[in-house]
N, C-alpha and C. Protein backbone atom coordinates (compact mmCIF):
# COMPACT_ATOMS: atom_id res chain seq x y z
N MET A 1 79.98 6.06 -6.24
CA MET A 1 80.58 5.42 -7.44
C MET A 1 81.31 6.59 -8.07
N ALA A 2 82.69 6.49 -8.26
CA ALA A 2 83.27 7.59 -9.06
C ALA A 2 83.38 7.04 -10.49
N VAL A 3 83.35 8.12 -11.43
CA VAL A 3 83.51 7.95 -12.78
C VAL A 3 84.52 8.57 -13.32
N CYS A 4 85.29 7.92 -14.10
CA CYS A 4 86.64 8.50 -14.66
C CYS A 4 86.53 8.36 -16.21
N SER A 5 86.85 9.26 -16.90
CA SER A 5 87.09 9.20 -18.37
C SER A 5 88.40 9.37 -18.49
N SER A 6 88.90 9.02 -19.83
CA SER A 6 90.32 9.13 -20.26
C SER A 6 91.04 10.49 -19.91
N SER A 7 90.23 11.51 -19.79
CA SER A 7 90.62 12.81 -19.52
C SER A 7 90.29 13.47 -18.30
N ALA A 8 89.72 12.58 -17.46
CA ALA A 8 89.22 13.10 -15.97
C ALA A 8 89.79 12.17 -15.06
N ARG A 9 89.90 12.59 -13.78
CA ARG A 9 90.35 11.59 -12.80
C ARG A 9 89.31 11.70 -11.73
N CYS A 10 89.19 10.50 -11.02
CA CYS A 10 88.19 10.58 -9.99
C CYS A 10 88.42 11.38 -8.91
N HIS A 11 87.36 11.74 -7.98
CA HIS A 11 87.55 12.60 -6.94
C HIS A 11 88.36 12.06 -5.98
N ALA A 12 88.10 10.81 -5.71
CA ALA A 12 88.96 10.06 -4.77
C ALA A 12 90.44 9.75 -5.39
N PRO A 13 91.59 10.00 -4.53
CA PRO A 13 92.90 9.97 -5.07
C PRO A 13 93.38 8.56 -5.43
N HIS A 14 94.00 8.34 -6.57
CA HIS A 14 94.29 7.11 -7.02
C HIS A 14 95.52 6.64 -6.10
N GLY A 15 96.35 7.47 -5.77
CA GLY A 15 97.51 7.12 -4.84
C GLY A 15 97.16 7.00 -3.44
N ASN A 16 97.91 6.28 -2.49
CA ASN A 16 97.50 6.17 -1.17
C ASN A 16 98.74 6.57 -0.25
N GLY A 17 99.65 7.19 -0.80
CA GLY A 17 100.79 7.60 0.08
C GLY A 17 101.38 6.56 0.85
N GLY A 18 101.41 5.35 0.22
CA GLY A 18 102.16 4.35 1.02
C GLY A 18 101.12 3.59 1.96
N ARG A 19 99.88 4.17 2.19
CA ARG A 19 98.87 3.41 2.95
C ARG A 19 98.01 2.29 2.13
N GLY A 20 97.58 1.25 2.73
CA GLY A 20 96.69 0.45 2.00
C GLY A 20 95.26 1.00 1.85
N ALA A 21 94.52 0.64 0.78
CA ALA A 21 93.18 1.20 0.65
C ALA A 21 92.32 0.94 1.75
N GLY A 22 92.69 -0.17 2.67
CA GLY A 22 91.68 -0.78 3.61
C GLY A 22 92.13 0.09 5.00
N GLU A 23 93.27 0.68 5.13
CA GLU A 23 93.64 1.35 6.27
C GLU A 23 92.83 2.55 6.71
N PRO A 24 92.70 2.77 7.96
CA PRO A 24 91.74 3.68 8.60
C PRO A 24 91.85 5.12 8.09
N GLY A 25 93.07 5.65 7.88
CA GLY A 25 93.18 6.89 7.22
C GLY A 25 92.43 7.24 5.89
N ILE A 26 92.72 6.04 4.93
CA ILE A 26 92.06 6.15 3.46
C ILE A 26 90.59 6.27 3.75
N GLN A 27 90.12 5.15 4.54
CA GLN A 27 88.68 5.02 4.70
C GLN A 27 88.03 6.17 5.34
N GLU A 28 88.72 6.94 6.30
CA GLU A 28 88.12 8.06 6.85
C GLU A 28 88.22 9.18 5.71
N GLU A 29 89.12 9.50 5.01
CA GLU A 29 89.03 10.35 3.82
C GLU A 29 87.90 10.16 3.01
N LYS A 30 87.64 8.85 2.68
CA LYS A 30 86.59 8.54 1.53
C LYS A 30 85.32 8.95 2.17
N LYS A 31 85.27 8.55 3.50
CA LYS A 31 83.93 8.79 4.15
C LYS A 31 83.62 10.35 4.20
N CYS A 32 84.56 10.87 4.67
CA CYS A 32 84.50 12.44 4.77
C CYS A 32 84.03 13.07 3.43
N ALA A 33 84.72 12.60 2.45
CA ALA A 33 84.47 13.08 1.05
C ALA A 33 83.03 12.77 0.72
N MET A 34 82.52 11.46 0.94
CA MET A 34 81.17 11.14 0.60
C MET A 34 80.12 11.86 1.40
N ASN A 35 80.40 12.11 2.75
CA ASN A 35 79.41 12.96 3.53
C ASN A 35 79.26 14.32 2.85
N ARG A 36 80.36 14.97 2.39
CA ARG A 36 80.35 16.19 2.03
C ARG A 36 79.69 16.37 0.62
N HIS A 37 79.73 15.36 -0.11
CA HIS A 37 79.19 15.19 -1.41
C HIS A 37 77.62 14.93 -1.12
N GLU A 38 77.36 14.29 -0.25
CA GLU A 38 75.90 14.02 -0.07
C GLU A 38 75.26 15.27 0.63
N LYS A 39 75.72 16.03 1.34
CA LYS A 39 75.49 17.23 1.97
C LYS A 39 74.87 18.22 0.89
N TYR A 40 75.70 18.44 -0.04
CA TYR A 40 75.57 19.51 -1.05
C TYR A 40 74.55 18.95 -2.24
N MET A 41 74.63 17.64 -2.38
CA MET A 41 73.74 17.06 -3.45
C MET A 41 72.20 17.00 -2.85
N LYS A 42 72.03 17.04 -1.55
CA LYS A 42 70.82 17.13 -1.15
C LYS A 42 70.14 18.47 -1.45
N ILE A 43 71.16 19.53 -1.28
CA ILE A 43 70.65 20.88 -1.53
C ILE A 43 70.40 20.98 -3.00
N ALA A 44 71.13 20.35 -3.94
CA ALA A 44 70.83 20.34 -5.47
C ALA A 44 69.60 19.63 -5.72
N LEU A 45 69.34 18.58 -4.99
CA LEU A 45 67.97 17.76 -5.10
C LEU A 45 66.88 18.77 -4.92
N ASP A 46 66.90 19.51 -3.91
CA ASP A 46 66.01 20.47 -3.36
C ASP A 46 65.75 21.39 -4.65
N GLN A 47 66.69 22.07 -5.13
CA GLN A 47 66.59 22.83 -6.23
C GLN A 47 65.85 22.04 -7.42
N ALA A 48 66.18 20.79 -7.79
CA ALA A 48 65.65 19.88 -8.68
C ALA A 48 64.13 19.83 -8.33
N ARG A 49 63.81 19.60 -7.17
CA ARG A 49 62.31 19.45 -6.72
C ARG A 49 61.51 20.71 -7.09
N GLN A 50 62.08 21.88 -6.81
CA GLN A 50 61.49 22.98 -7.22
C GLN A 50 61.15 23.20 -8.57
N ALA A 51 62.14 22.74 -9.36
CA ALA A 51 61.96 22.82 -11.04
C ALA A 51 60.78 21.92 -11.22
N LEU A 52 60.79 20.58 -10.66
CA LEU A 52 59.76 19.67 -10.87
C LEU A 52 58.39 20.17 -10.62
N VAL A 53 58.12 20.73 -9.46
CA VAL A 53 56.93 21.26 -9.02
C VAL A 53 56.41 22.33 -10.14
N LEU A 54 57.29 23.01 -10.78
CA LEU A 54 56.93 23.95 -11.63
C LEU A 54 56.88 23.56 -12.98
N GLY A 55 56.98 22.23 -13.21
CA GLY A 55 56.90 21.53 -14.48
C GLY A 55 57.95 21.43 -15.43
N ASP A 56 59.21 21.84 -14.63
CA ASP A 56 60.49 21.85 -15.52
C ASP A 56 61.37 20.51 -15.27
N PHE A 57 62.22 20.34 -16.11
CA PHE A 57 62.95 19.19 -16.05
C PHE A 57 63.74 19.17 -14.63
N PRO A 58 63.76 18.17 -13.77
CA PRO A 58 64.44 18.17 -12.45
C PRO A 58 65.69 18.30 -12.38
N VAL A 59 66.50 19.18 -12.91
CA VAL A 59 67.92 19.42 -12.54
C VAL A 59 68.01 20.59 -11.68
N GLY A 60 68.87 20.22 -10.69
CA GLY A 60 69.23 21.21 -9.79
C GLY A 60 70.65 21.44 -9.65
N CYS A 61 71.38 22.47 -9.20
CA CYS A 61 72.74 22.63 -9.22
C CYS A 61 73.10 23.47 -8.10
N VAL A 62 74.20 23.22 -7.57
CA VAL A 62 74.84 23.96 -6.38
C VAL A 62 76.37 24.27 -6.72
N PHE A 63 76.80 25.43 -6.44
CA PHE A 63 78.23 25.63 -6.36
C PHE A 63 78.74 25.84 -4.86
N GLU A 64 79.72 25.01 -4.53
CA GLU A 64 80.10 25.00 -3.11
C GLU A 64 81.69 25.50 -3.26
N TYR A 65 81.90 26.46 -2.27
CA TYR A 65 83.24 26.93 -2.37
C TYR A 65 83.75 27.25 -0.82
N ARG A 66 84.74 26.26 -0.53
CA ARG A 66 85.21 26.30 0.99
C ARG A 66 84.20 26.13 1.91
N ASP A 67 83.24 25.25 1.67
CA ASP A 67 82.18 24.78 2.48
C ASP A 67 81.13 25.71 2.63
N GLU A 68 80.96 26.67 1.67
CA GLU A 68 80.04 27.53 1.52
C GLU A 68 79.16 27.61 0.08
N ILE A 69 77.92 27.62 0.20
CA ILE A 69 77.33 27.72 -1.18
C ILE A 69 77.37 29.09 -1.62
N VAL A 70 77.83 29.21 -2.93
CA VAL A 70 78.03 30.64 -3.41
C VAL A 70 77.03 30.80 -4.62
N ALA A 71 76.52 29.77 -5.05
CA ALA A 71 75.52 29.82 -6.24
C ALA A 71 74.69 28.73 -6.24
N THR A 72 73.30 28.89 -6.64
CA THR A 72 72.48 27.68 -7.05
C THR A 72 71.76 27.92 -8.38
N GLY A 73 71.11 26.91 -8.85
CA GLY A 73 70.58 27.24 -10.10
C GLY A 73 69.61 25.81 -10.27
N ARG A 74 68.44 26.08 -10.90
CA ARG A 74 67.61 24.96 -11.47
C ARG A 74 67.17 25.12 -12.86
N ARG A 75 66.67 24.14 -13.42
CA ARG A 75 66.39 24.09 -14.83
C ARG A 75 65.04 25.17 -15.04
N PHE A 76 65.25 25.95 -16.10
CA PHE A 76 63.99 26.74 -16.58
C PHE A 76 63.83 26.40 -17.98
N ASN A 77 62.72 26.69 -18.39
CA ASN A 77 62.25 26.86 -19.77
C ASN A 77 62.31 25.42 -20.48
N SER A 78 61.99 24.48 -19.84
CA SER A 78 61.87 23.03 -20.53
C SER A 78 60.64 22.71 -21.05
N PHE A 79 59.69 23.73 -20.94
CA PHE A 79 58.37 23.38 -21.54
C PHE A 79 57.95 24.78 -22.11
N GLY A 80 56.92 24.60 -23.18
CA GLY A 80 56.40 25.83 -23.64
C GLY A 80 57.49 26.23 -24.79
N ARG A 81 57.86 27.45 -24.80
CA ARG A 81 59.01 27.81 -25.66
C ARG A 81 60.29 27.42 -25.01
N VAL A 82 60.73 26.34 -25.43
CA VAL A 82 61.94 25.67 -24.79
C VAL A 82 63.17 26.36 -25.03
N ASN A 83 63.97 26.67 -24.04
CA ASN A 83 65.36 27.30 -24.28
C ASN A 83 66.33 26.48 -23.55
N GLU A 84 67.27 25.87 -24.50
CA GLU A 84 68.35 25.11 -23.88
C GLU A 84 69.47 25.67 -23.38
N MET A 85 69.37 26.98 -23.31
CA MET A 85 70.40 27.70 -22.63
C MET A 85 70.30 27.82 -21.07
N ASP A 86 69.02 27.69 -20.70
CA ASP A 86 68.70 27.80 -19.21
C ASP A 86 68.92 26.41 -18.49
N HIS A 87 70.00 25.74 -18.65
CA HIS A 87 70.31 24.55 -17.96
C HIS A 87 70.58 24.95 -16.36
N ALA A 88 70.46 24.15 -15.52
CA ALA A 88 70.81 24.53 -14.24
C ALA A 88 72.13 24.99 -13.90
N GLU A 89 73.20 24.44 -14.57
CA GLU A 89 74.53 24.57 -14.35
C GLU A 89 74.78 26.13 -15.04
N MET A 90 74.21 26.43 -15.99
CA MET A 90 74.40 27.69 -16.75
C MET A 90 73.62 28.82 -15.83
N VAL A 91 72.54 28.54 -15.19
CA VAL A 91 71.73 29.53 -14.48
C VAL A 91 72.59 29.80 -13.18
N ALA A 92 73.23 28.75 -12.54
CA ALA A 92 73.96 28.86 -11.32
C ALA A 92 75.42 29.68 -11.72
N LEU A 93 75.97 29.44 -12.82
CA LEU A 93 77.11 30.17 -13.22
C LEU A 93 76.86 31.58 -13.50
N ARG A 94 75.75 31.94 -14.03
CA ARG A 94 75.55 33.38 -14.19
C ARG A 94 75.17 33.98 -12.85
N ALA A 95 74.55 33.27 -12.03
CA ALA A 95 74.22 33.82 -10.73
C ALA A 95 75.47 34.07 -10.08
N LEU A 96 76.46 33.33 -10.04
CA LEU A 96 77.81 33.43 -9.51
C LEU A 96 78.45 34.71 -10.06
N PHE A 97 78.48 34.89 -11.33
CA PHE A 97 79.09 36.09 -11.77
C PHE A 97 78.17 37.36 -11.64
N ASP A 98 76.95 37.21 -11.59
CA ASP A 98 76.13 38.37 -11.38
C ASP A 98 76.42 38.78 -9.83
N SER A 99 76.90 37.97 -8.89
CA SER A 99 77.14 38.22 -7.48
C SER A 99 78.42 39.12 -7.26
N ASP A 100 79.24 39.14 -8.34
CA ASP A 100 80.42 39.92 -8.30
C ASP A 100 81.41 39.55 -7.17
N ARG A 101 81.33 38.21 -6.82
CA ARG A 101 82.17 37.78 -5.65
C ARG A 101 83.61 37.39 -6.18
N ARG A 102 84.55 37.70 -5.60
CA ARG A 102 86.06 37.39 -5.96
C ARG A 102 86.47 36.13 -5.16
N LEU A 103 86.62 35.03 -5.96
CA LEU A 103 86.99 33.84 -5.50
C LEU A 103 87.69 33.07 -6.53
N ASP A 104 88.40 31.93 -6.15
CA ASP A 104 89.28 31.11 -6.98
C ASP A 104 88.09 29.92 -7.56
N ILE A 105 87.73 30.22 -8.66
CA ILE A 105 86.79 29.32 -9.28
C ILE A 105 87.29 27.87 -9.39
N GLY A 106 88.60 27.75 -9.36
CA GLY A 106 89.15 26.56 -9.39
C GLY A 106 88.99 25.66 -8.05
N GLU A 107 88.59 26.51 -7.16
CA GLU A 107 88.33 25.82 -5.79
C GLU A 107 86.84 25.40 -5.77
N ILE A 108 86.02 25.82 -6.64
CA ILE A 108 84.50 25.40 -6.55
C ILE A 108 84.19 23.95 -6.91
N THR A 109 83.41 23.41 -6.41
CA THR A 109 82.89 22.09 -6.58
C THR A 109 81.36 22.26 -7.02
N VAL A 110 81.15 21.83 -8.28
CA VAL A 110 79.64 21.92 -8.81
C VAL A 110 79.13 20.58 -8.53
N TYR A 111 78.02 20.87 -7.84
CA TYR A 111 76.87 19.58 -7.62
C TYR A 111 75.68 19.77 -8.57
N SER A 112 75.47 18.74 -9.30
CA SER A 112 74.27 18.69 -10.17
C SER A 112 73.57 17.34 -10.19
N THR A 113 72.28 17.48 -10.04
CA THR A 113 71.27 16.31 -9.99
C THR A 113 71.52 15.27 -11.39
N MET A 114 72.03 15.90 -12.39
CA MET A 114 72.29 15.09 -13.70
C MET A 114 73.62 15.45 -14.09
N GLU A 115 74.18 14.28 -14.68
CA GLU A 115 75.54 14.65 -15.31
C GLU A 115 75.36 15.79 -16.18
N PRO A 116 76.38 16.66 -16.28
CA PRO A 116 76.16 17.89 -17.15
C PRO A 116 76.28 17.31 -18.61
N CYS A 117 75.63 18.04 -19.30
CA CYS A 117 75.58 17.96 -20.95
C CYS A 117 76.98 18.34 -21.38
N LEU A 118 77.18 18.36 -22.78
CA LEU A 118 78.31 18.72 -23.44
C LEU A 118 78.38 20.40 -23.27
N MET A 119 77.46 20.99 -23.53
CA MET A 119 77.36 22.32 -23.25
C MET A 119 77.73 22.75 -21.96
N CYS A 120 77.18 22.38 -20.97
CA CYS A 120 77.42 22.72 -19.50
C CYS A 120 78.82 22.31 -19.13
N PHE A 121 79.21 21.23 -19.39
CA PHE A 121 80.54 20.57 -19.09
C PHE A 121 81.52 21.64 -19.64
N ALA A 122 81.71 22.01 -20.96
CA ALA A 122 82.50 22.73 -21.62
C ALA A 122 82.39 24.16 -20.98
N THR A 123 81.38 24.71 -20.73
CA THR A 123 81.22 25.92 -20.31
C THR A 123 81.89 26.18 -18.92
N LEU A 124 81.57 25.15 -17.95
CA LEU A 124 82.24 25.13 -16.48
C LEU A 124 83.80 24.88 -16.68
N LEU A 125 84.24 24.18 -17.71
CA LEU A 125 85.68 23.95 -17.91
C LEU A 125 86.33 25.30 -18.24
N VAL A 126 85.73 25.98 -19.33
CA VAL A 126 86.17 27.23 -19.89
C VAL A 126 86.26 28.19 -18.84
N ASN A 127 85.47 28.18 -17.76
CA ASN A 127 85.12 29.26 -16.86
C ASN A 127 85.99 28.90 -15.65
N GLY A 128 86.80 27.81 -15.64
CA GLY A 128 87.62 27.59 -14.43
C GLY A 128 87.39 26.53 -13.54
N VAL A 129 86.17 25.90 -13.70
CA VAL A 129 85.65 24.92 -12.77
C VAL A 129 86.54 23.63 -13.14
N ARG A 130 86.97 22.88 -12.08
CA ARG A 130 87.61 21.56 -12.16
C ARG A 130 87.27 20.41 -11.46
N LYS A 131 86.11 20.65 -10.58
CA LYS A 131 85.52 19.48 -9.73
C LYS A 131 84.04 19.48 -10.04
N ILE A 132 83.48 18.41 -10.46
CA ILE A 132 82.06 18.18 -10.83
C ILE A 132 81.63 16.97 -10.07
N VAL A 133 80.40 16.85 -9.49
CA VAL A 133 79.80 16.02 -8.80
C VAL A 133 78.32 15.72 -9.17
N TYR A 134 77.87 14.81 -9.68
CA TYR A 134 76.62 14.46 -10.06
C TYR A 134 75.88 13.30 -9.41
N SER A 135 74.51 13.38 -9.58
CA SER A 135 73.77 12.24 -8.92
C SER A 135 73.39 11.25 -10.03
N TYR A 136 72.65 11.69 -11.13
CA TYR A 136 72.15 10.64 -12.14
C TYR A 136 72.81 10.82 -13.47
N GLU A 137 73.27 9.82 -13.94
CA GLU A 137 74.03 9.69 -15.39
C GLU A 137 73.06 10.17 -16.38
N ASP A 138 73.57 11.08 -17.37
CA ASP A 138 72.67 11.33 -18.63
C ASP A 138 73.19 10.25 -19.65
N ALA A 139 72.30 9.30 -19.66
CA ALA A 139 72.75 8.00 -20.60
C ALA A 139 72.67 8.56 -22.12
N MET A 140 72.11 9.72 -22.44
CA MET A 140 71.83 10.08 -23.74
C MET A 140 72.82 11.33 -24.21
N GLY A 141 72.96 12.31 -23.11
CA GLY A 141 73.75 13.53 -23.63
C GLY A 141 74.76 13.81 -22.68
N GLY A 142 75.24 12.95 -21.72
CA GLY A 142 76.19 13.49 -20.76
C GLY A 142 77.52 13.74 -21.45
N GLY A 143 78.04 14.90 -20.90
CA GLY A 143 79.39 15.35 -21.55
C GLY A 143 80.59 15.04 -20.76
N THR A 144 80.56 14.33 -19.69
CA THR A 144 81.68 14.24 -18.74
C THR A 144 82.82 13.28 -19.40
N ASN A 145 82.37 12.60 -20.47
CA ASN A 145 83.26 11.54 -21.01
C ASN A 145 84.02 12.33 -22.20
N LEU A 146 83.84 13.52 -22.40
CA LEU A 146 84.69 14.15 -23.46
C LEU A 146 86.11 14.05 -23.24
N PRO A 147 86.70 13.38 -24.55
CA PRO A 147 88.10 13.02 -24.43
C PRO A 147 89.08 14.36 -24.50
N LEU A 148 89.20 14.97 -23.43
CA LEU A 148 89.93 16.30 -23.51
C LEU A 148 91.48 16.13 -24.15
N ARG A 149 91.90 15.03 -23.79
CA ARG A 149 93.37 14.65 -24.24
C ARG A 149 93.41 14.80 -25.76
N MET A 150 92.24 14.75 -26.45
CA MET A 150 92.42 14.70 -27.86
C MET A 150 92.05 15.97 -28.52
N LEU A 151 91.72 16.97 -27.63
CA LEU A 151 91.37 18.25 -28.14
C LEU A 151 92.63 19.37 -28.23
N SER A 152 92.14 20.50 -28.57
CA SER A 152 93.21 21.47 -28.55
C SER A 152 93.93 21.79 -27.21
N PRO A 153 95.07 22.56 -27.43
CA PRO A 153 95.77 22.83 -26.17
C PRO A 153 95.18 23.34 -25.02
N LEU A 154 94.22 24.22 -25.27
CA LEU A 154 93.40 24.80 -24.15
C LEU A 154 92.83 23.81 -23.25
N TYR A 155 92.41 22.65 -23.87
CA TYR A 155 91.60 21.67 -23.13
C TYR A 155 92.53 20.46 -22.56
N ARG A 156 93.38 20.19 -23.42
CA ARG A 156 94.13 18.70 -23.44
C ARG A 156 94.90 18.52 -22.04
N ASP A 157 95.26 19.58 -21.46
CA ASP A 157 96.02 19.51 -20.16
C ASP A 157 95.25 19.82 -18.99
N LEU A 158 93.92 19.88 -19.10
CA LEU A 158 93.15 20.08 -17.95
C LEU A 158 93.12 18.91 -17.07
N GLU A 159 93.13 19.11 -15.70
CA GLU A 159 92.82 17.88 -14.75
C GLU A 159 91.55 18.12 -14.03
N VAL A 160 90.47 17.34 -14.41
CA VAL A 160 89.25 17.49 -13.93
C VAL A 160 88.83 16.40 -12.96
N GLU A 161 88.32 16.60 -11.92
CA GLU A 161 87.75 15.50 -10.95
C GLU A 161 86.18 15.43 -11.27
N ILE A 162 85.79 14.24 -11.58
CA ILE A 162 84.45 13.92 -11.79
C ILE A 162 84.03 12.93 -10.79
N THR A 163 82.90 13.10 -10.11
CA THR A 163 82.44 11.94 -9.15
C THR A 163 80.89 11.84 -9.58
N GLY A 164 80.39 10.59 -9.78
CA GLY A 164 79.16 10.25 -10.25
C GLY A 164 78.40 9.59 -9.20
N ALA A 165 77.06 9.23 -9.32
CA ALA A 165 76.09 8.52 -8.59
C ALA A 165 75.90 8.79 -7.12
N ILE A 166 76.22 10.17 -6.86
CA ILE A 166 76.00 10.49 -5.44
C ILE A 166 74.56 10.74 -5.23
N LEU A 167 73.82 9.86 -4.13
CA LEU A 167 72.47 9.89 -4.00
C LEU A 167 71.63 9.64 -5.25
N ARG A 168 72.16 8.59 -6.06
CA ARG A 168 71.51 8.29 -7.28
C ARG A 168 70.07 7.94 -7.36
N GLU A 169 69.75 7.25 -6.32
CA GLU A 169 68.33 6.81 -6.36
C GLU A 169 67.46 7.96 -6.15
N GLN A 170 67.89 9.01 -5.41
CA GLN A 170 67.00 10.01 -5.19
C GLN A 170 66.86 10.96 -6.45
N GLY A 171 68.13 10.97 -7.19
CA GLY A 171 68.02 11.57 -8.55
C GLY A 171 67.09 10.94 -9.43
N LEU A 172 67.38 9.59 -9.45
CA LEU A 172 66.67 8.88 -10.25
C LEU A 172 65.00 8.92 -10.35
N ALA A 173 64.59 9.08 -9.02
CA ALA A 173 63.37 9.03 -8.56
C ALA A 173 62.68 10.36 -9.15
N LEU A 174 63.42 11.33 -9.14
CA LEU A 174 62.83 12.61 -9.65
C LEU A 174 62.75 12.67 -11.18
N PHE A 175 63.75 12.08 -11.81
CA PHE A 175 63.52 11.96 -13.37
C PHE A 175 62.41 10.90 -13.81
N LYS A 176 62.37 9.75 -12.96
CA LYS A 176 61.23 8.97 -13.26
C LYS A 176 59.88 9.58 -13.09
N GLU A 177 59.82 10.40 -12.07
CA GLU A 177 58.54 10.99 -11.74
C GLU A 177 58.21 12.11 -13.06
N PHE A 178 59.25 12.78 -13.33
CA PHE A 178 59.04 13.65 -14.51
C PHE A 178 58.54 12.89 -15.74
N PHE A 179 59.37 11.88 -16.24
CA PHE A 179 59.15 11.24 -17.42
C PHE A 179 57.71 10.35 -17.44
N ALA A 180 57.37 10.06 -16.15
CA ALA A 180 56.08 9.17 -16.11
C ALA A 180 54.87 10.15 -16.10
N ASN A 181 55.05 11.40 -16.03
CA ASN A 181 53.86 12.27 -16.14
C ASN A 181 53.59 12.55 -17.64
N PRO A 182 52.58 12.23 -18.06
CA PRO A 182 52.14 12.38 -19.53
C PRO A 182 51.95 13.79 -20.06
N GLU A 183 51.96 14.83 -18.94
CA GLU A 183 51.83 16.22 -19.27
C GLU A 183 53.18 16.87 -19.69
N ASN A 184 54.32 15.96 -19.47
CA ASN A 184 55.57 16.50 -19.47
C ASN A 184 56.09 15.97 -21.02
N ASN A 185 56.20 16.86 -21.98
CA ASN A 185 56.71 16.50 -23.17
C ASN A 185 58.07 16.64 -23.44
N TYR A 186 58.89 17.31 -22.49
CA TYR A 186 60.34 17.45 -22.82
C TYR A 186 61.02 16.03 -22.82
N LEU A 187 61.58 15.95 -23.70
CA LEU A 187 62.40 14.56 -24.06
C LEU A 187 61.53 13.30 -23.71
N ALA A 188 60.30 13.44 -23.99
CA ALA A 188 59.35 12.33 -23.72
C ALA A 188 59.68 10.85 -24.57
N ASP A 189 60.02 11.18 -25.56
CA ASP A 189 60.22 9.99 -26.43
C ASP A 189 61.85 9.67 -26.73
N SER A 190 62.66 10.16 -25.80
CA SER A 190 63.98 10.12 -25.94
C SER A 190 64.55 8.79 -25.49
N LEU A 191 65.94 8.68 -25.79
CA LEU A 191 66.60 7.47 -25.20
C LEU A 191 66.67 7.61 -23.72
N LEU A 192 66.80 8.88 -23.16
CA LEU A 192 67.05 9.12 -21.80
C LEU A 192 65.69 8.71 -20.94
N ALA A 193 64.64 9.00 -21.55
CA ALA A 193 63.27 8.78 -20.95
C ALA A 193 63.20 7.23 -20.85
N ALA A 194 63.44 6.62 -22.08
CA ALA A 194 63.27 5.02 -21.96
C ALA A 194 64.32 4.39 -21.11
N TYR A 195 65.59 5.02 -21.07
CA TYR A 195 66.51 4.37 -20.05
C TYR A 195 66.03 4.51 -18.60
N THR A 196 65.49 5.77 -18.23
CA THR A 196 65.12 6.15 -17.05
C THR A 196 63.90 5.20 -16.55
N LEU A 197 62.96 5.18 -17.32
CA LEU A 197 61.64 4.50 -17.06
C LEU A 197 61.73 2.91 -16.75
N LYS A 198 62.69 2.37 -17.51
CA LYS A 198 62.80 1.00 -17.39
C LYS A 198 63.71 0.60 -16.20
N GLN A 199 63.98 1.34 -15.34
CA GLN A 199 64.76 1.15 -13.91
C GLN A 199 63.71 1.02 -12.97
């Protein structure tokens, strides 16, 4: 399921170059894109499981560049002395910059097990990321519906591809496990917890 906001476009192309949506070429392109998304989302889910085992919020993130993983991250510090800077996307972005690799960030696709929050979404955009794929929607704090067209010139002309609900059931299962554990206090009484647990 692709998700579009007024300022972002779906990963799947809207135009069909004269071909019908049901024609083999279009269907093959969509199947290929879906397989690619699932491949890297599975790795992001592995990162999320590592976070969950350690008691952290199960968000995992993978940066893919030309069919190669160039950075990964998972959520840290969501218990004890909570630090909201250590979201999985931020951790992966710092890892990318620490690696000192020279690449076109605009070609990176970010895979995250949860829809990026406003902080992560804006930070990714400012750093040049234009393609974001996520598993589970953040019904409380998701930032991908930010109306870029209504913002300052730096943002209003950005073309951002956002694809949601990739391996959603697997992502949902991790968040349900987290919120169902009474030892986990992070966001325990939040709208997101209630939304997740009632599914």
